[in-house]
Amino acid sequence: MNVSYNKLFKLLIDKGMKKTDLRIATGISPNTLTKLSNNDYVSMEVLVKICRVLECDFGDIMELVQIKRQE
């Protein structure tokens, strides 16, 4: 399984926020924002900060997706 943060970026659009706004509001580093943009793993602490700022739950900002296997 892989992680996808597409829900996070859709939520930002709905709230009229830019990625930079989220980074500043949460205090996360630019490198962490890049990890989110690349659907890489980030710490639980980062996810909690994002949920606090956006007043949402984990399922609102991320999801696990199946890895498609090549045959």
Protein backbone atom coordinates (compact mmCIF):
# COMPACT_ATOMS: atom_id res chain seq x y z
CA MET A 1 0.00 0.00 0.00
CA ASN A 2 1.05 3.56 -0.72
CA VAL A 3 -0.11 6.78 0.83
CA SER A 4 -1.84 9.54 -1.14
CA TYR A 5 -2.32 13.12 0.02
CA ASN A 6 -4.58 14.13 -2.87
CA LYS A 7 -7.41 14.69 -0.38
CA LEU A 8 -5.22 17.22 1.45
CA PHE A 9 -4.58 19.26 -1.67
CA LYS A 10 -8.26 19.19 -2.65
CA LEU A 11 -9.15 20.38 0.85
CA LEU A 12 -6.67 23.24 0.55
CA ILE A 13 -8.34 24.31 -2.69
CA ASP A 14 -11.76 24.18 -0.99
CA LYS A 15 -10.47 26.35 1.85
CA GLY A 16 -8.74 28.78 -0.51
CA MET A 17 -5.31 27.98 0.90
CA LYS A 18 -2.01 27.56 -0.91
CA LYS A 19 0.60 24.99 0.04
CA THR A 20 2.77 27.81 1.37
CA ASP A 21 -0.08 28.98 3.61
CA LEU A 22 -0.34 25.47 5.05
CA ARG A 23 3.42 25.29 5.59
CA ILE A 24 3.47 28.56 7.49
CA ALA A 25 0.35 27.80 9.55
CA THR A 26 1.64 24.38 10.61
CA GLY A 27 5.31 25.25 10.94
CA ILE A 28 6.38 22.32 8.77
CA SER A 29 9.54 22.56 6.70
CA PRO A 30 9.67 23.02 2.94
CA ASN A 31 11.17 19.51 2.71
CA THR A 32 8.16 18.05 4.49
CA LEU A 33 5.82 19.87 2.13
CA THR A 34 7.76 18.36 -0.77
CA LYS A 35 7.30 14.89 0.77
CA LEU A 36 3.56 15.49 0.94
CA SER A 37 3.50 16.66 -2.67
CA ASN A 38 5.36 13.50 -3.70
CA ASN A 39 3.07 11.21 -1.64
CA ASP A 40 5.99 10.16 0.57
CA TYR A 41 5.59 9.13 4.19
CA VAL A 42 5.64 11.87 6.83
CA SER A 43 5.52 11.62 10.60
CA MET A 44 2.36 11.35 12.63
CA GLU A 45 3.33 14.64 14.26
CA VAL A 46 3.12 16.39 10.88
CA LEU A 47 -0.28 14.85 10.14
CA VAL A 48 -1.60 15.97 13.54
CA LYS A 49 -0.38 19.54 12.94
CA ILE A 50 -2.15 19.61 9.58
CA CYS A 51 -5.38 18.24 11.05
CA ARG A 52 -5.32 20.81 13.84
CA VAL A 53 -4.88 23.71 11.43
CA LEU A 54 -7.49 22.46 8.96
CA GLU A 55 -9.84 21.22 11.73
CA CYS A 56 -10.21 17.79 10.16
CA ASP A 57 -9.33 14.12 10.67
CA PHE A 58 -6.64 11.94 9.07
CA GLY A 59 -9.10 10.43 6.61
CA ASP A 60 -9.87 13.93 5.31
CA ILE A 61 -6.27 14.54 4.22
CA MET A 62 -4.87 11.16 3.24
CA GLU A 63 -5.72 7.67 2.09
CA LEU A 64 -3.98 4.38 1.47
CA VAL A 65 -3.99 3.21 -2.12
CA GLN A 66 -3.22 -0.18 -3.61
CA ILE A 67 -0.01 -0.61 -5.51
CA LYS A 68 -0.76 -1.79 -9.02
CA ARG A 69 1.34 -4.82 -9.82
CA GLN A 70 2.70 -5.42 -13.25
CA GLU A 71 2.03 -8.83 -14.70
